[in-house]
Amino acid sequence: MPVPFDASRTPPSDDHDAILLEGLFQLAFSGETRGWEFEKIDEEVHARLLQAYPA
């Protein structure tokens, strides 16, 4: 049985993937999807996903 998401749990400071995803989520949740920060993080997450799951 999957463990439910625990929003109070912070990602480890050395988990760079989790930190990137958290930043992307926070920007998207606050509606800040047109700024350079969102674009930069989005590009990095996209590149990592393509690297992990090649087409």
N, C-alpha and C. Protein backbone atom coordinates (compact mmCIF):
# COMPACT_ATOMS: atom_id res chain seq x y z
N MET A 1 0.85 -1.18 0.00
CA MET A 1 0.00 0.00 0.00
C MET A 1 0.89 1.24 0.00
N PRO A 2 0.66 2.18 -0.93
CA PRO A 2 1.52 3.37 -1.00
C PRO A 2 1.35 4.27 0.22
N VAL A 3 2.43 4.91 0.56
CA VAL A 3 2.41 5.83 1.69
C VAL A 3 1.87 7.16 1.19
N PRO A 4 0.90 7.78 1.91
CA PRO A 4 0.37 9.06 1.46
C PRO A 4 1.44 10.15 1.50
N PHE A 5 1.26 11.15 0.66
CA PHE A 5 2.20 12.26 0.59
C PHE A 5 2.19 13.03 1.91
N ASP A 6 3.37 13.28 2.43
CA ASP A 6 3.51 14.03 3.69
C ASP A 6 4.10 15.39 3.38
N ALA A 7 3.24 16.42 3.29
CA ALA A 7 3.68 17.76 2.94
C ALA A 7 4.57 18.38 4.00
N SER A 8 4.50 17.89 5.23
CA SER A 8 5.31 18.48 6.30
C SER A 8 6.75 17.98 6.26
N ARG A 9 6.98 16.90 5.52
CA ARG A 9 8.33 16.34 5.41
C ARG A 9 9.14 17.14 4.40
N THR A 10 10.28 17.65 4.81
CA THR A 10 11.13 18.40 3.90
C THR A 10 12.14 17.46 3.24
N PRO A 11 12.45 17.73 1.97
CA PRO A 11 13.42 16.87 1.30
C PRO A 11 14.82 17.07 1.87
N PRO A 12 15.64 16.06 1.84
CA PRO A 12 17.02 16.22 2.31
C PRO A 12 17.73 17.31 1.51
N SER A 13 18.61 18.05 2.14
CA SER A 13 19.26 19.16 1.47
C SER A 13 20.20 18.72 0.35
N ASP A 14 20.55 17.45 0.32
CA ASP A 14 21.43 16.97 -0.75
C ASP A 14 20.66 16.25 -1.87
N ASP A 15 19.34 16.25 -1.82
CA ASP A 15 18.51 15.63 -2.85
C ASP A 15 18.14 16.70 -3.88
N HIS A 16 19.04 16.90 -4.86
CA HIS A 16 18.88 17.98 -5.82
C HIS A 16 17.64 17.81 -6.69
N ASP A 17 17.28 16.58 -7.03
CA ASP A 17 16.08 16.35 -7.83
C ASP A 17 14.84 16.79 -7.07
N ALA A 18 14.76 16.43 -5.81
CA ALA A 18 13.60 16.81 -4.99
C ALA A 18 13.53 18.32 -4.83
N ILE A 19 14.67 18.97 -4.68
CA ILE A 19 14.70 20.42 -4.52
C ILE A 19 14.21 21.10 -5.81
N LEU A 20 14.66 20.60 -6.97
CA LEU A 20 14.20 21.15 -8.24
C LEU A 20 12.69 20.99 -8.40
N LEU A 21 12.20 19.80 -8.13
CA LEU A 21 10.76 19.55 -8.26
C LEU A 21 9.96 20.39 -7.28
N GLU A 22 10.45 20.55 -6.07
CA GLU A 22 9.77 21.38 -5.08
C GLU A 22 9.70 22.83 -5.55
N GLY A 23 10.81 23.35 -6.09
CA GLY A 23 10.81 24.71 -6.61
C GLY A 23 9.85 24.88 -7.76
N LEU A 24 9.83 23.92 -8.68
CA LEU A 24 8.90 23.97 -9.81
C LEU A 24 7.46 23.93 -9.33
N PHE A 25 7.18 23.07 -8.38
CA PHE A 25 5.83 22.96 -7.83
C PHE A 25 5.40 24.26 -7.15
N GLN A 26 6.27 24.84 -6.35
CA GLN A 26 5.92 26.08 -5.65
C GLN A 26 5.65 27.21 -6.62
N LEU A 27 6.46 27.33 -7.66
CA LEU A 27 6.22 28.38 -8.65
C LEU A 27 4.91 28.14 -9.40
N ALA A 28 4.66 26.90 -9.80
CA ALA A 28 3.42 26.59 -10.51
C ALA A 28 2.21 26.81 -9.61
N PHE A 29 2.30 26.40 -8.37
CA PHE A 29 1.18 26.54 -7.44
C PHE A 29 0.84 28.01 -7.20
N SER A 30 1.87 28.86 -7.15
CA SER A 30 1.63 30.29 -6.92
C SER A 30 1.30 31.03 -8.21
N GLY A 31 1.28 30.32 -9.34
CA GLY A 31 0.91 30.93 -10.61
C GLY A 31 2.04 31.67 -11.29
N GLU A 32 3.25 31.50 -10.82
CA GLU A 32 4.40 32.20 -11.39
C GLU A 32 5.08 31.33 -12.45
N THR A 33 4.38 31.12 -13.55
CA THR A 33 4.90 30.23 -14.59
C THR A 33 5.45 30.98 -15.79
N ARG A 34 5.52 32.30 -15.73
CA ARG A 34 6.02 33.07 -16.87
C ARG A 34 7.36 33.74 -16.59
N GLY A 35 7.93 33.50 -15.42
CA GLY A 35 9.20 34.11 -15.06
C GLY A 35 10.39 33.26 -15.47
N TRP A 36 11.56 33.86 -15.37
CA TRP A 36 12.78 33.16 -15.76
C TRP A 36 13.09 32.01 -14.83
N GLU A 37 12.71 32.12 -13.53
CA GLU A 37 13.01 31.04 -12.59
C GLU A 37 12.27 29.77 -12.99
N PHE A 38 10.97 29.93 -13.31
CA PHE A 38 10.18 28.76 -13.71
C PHE A 38 10.74 28.15 -14.99
N GLU A 39 11.07 29.01 -15.96
CA GLU A 39 11.59 28.52 -17.23
C GLU A 39 12.89 27.74 -17.04
N LYS A 40 13.78 28.27 -16.22
CA LYS A 40 15.08 27.61 -15.98
C LYS A 40 14.90 26.26 -15.29
N ILE A 41 14.08 26.23 -14.24
CA ILE A 41 13.85 24.97 -13.52
C ILE A 41 13.13 23.97 -14.42
N ASP A 42 12.13 24.46 -15.18
CA ASP A 42 11.39 23.59 -16.09
C ASP A 42 12.32 22.94 -17.12
N GLU A 43 13.23 23.73 -17.68
CA GLU A 43 14.19 23.19 -18.65
C GLU A 43 15.08 22.12 -18.02
N GLU A 44 15.54 22.37 -16.80
CA GLU A 44 16.41 21.40 -16.13
C GLU A 44 15.67 20.11 -15.81
N VAL A 45 14.45 20.23 -15.30
CA VAL A 45 13.65 19.04 -14.98
C VAL A 45 13.36 18.26 -16.26
N HIS A 46 13.01 18.95 -17.32
CA HIS A 46 12.71 18.30 -18.59
C HIS A 46 13.94 17.55 -19.12
N ALA A 47 15.10 18.20 -19.06
CA ALA A 47 16.33 17.55 -19.52
C ALA A 47 16.65 16.31 -18.70
N ARG A 48 16.45 16.38 -17.40
CA ARG A 48 16.72 15.22 -16.55
C ARG A 48 15.74 14.08 -16.82
N LEU A 49 14.48 14.43 -17.08
CA LEU A 49 13.51 13.38 -17.41
C LEU A 49 13.86 12.70 -18.72
N LEU A 50 14.26 13.49 -19.73
CA LEU A 50 14.66 12.89 -21.01
C LEU A 50 15.89 12.01 -20.84
N GLN A 51 16.79 12.41 -19.97
CA GLN A 51 17.99 11.62 -19.73
C GLN A 51 17.65 10.31 -19.00
N ALA A 52 16.71 10.38 -18.07
CA ALA A 52 16.33 9.20 -17.30
C ALA A 52 15.44 8.25 -18.10
N TYR A 53 14.59 8.82 -18.96
CA TYR A 53 13.63 8.03 -19.72
C TYR A 53 13.74 8.38 -21.20
N PRO A 54 14.77 7.91 -21.88
CA PRO A 54 14.95 8.25 -23.30
C PRO A 54 13.79 7.77 -24.15
N ALA A 55 13.52 8.53 -25.18
CA ALA A 55 12.38 8.19 -26.07
C ALA A 55 12.76 7.09 -27.03
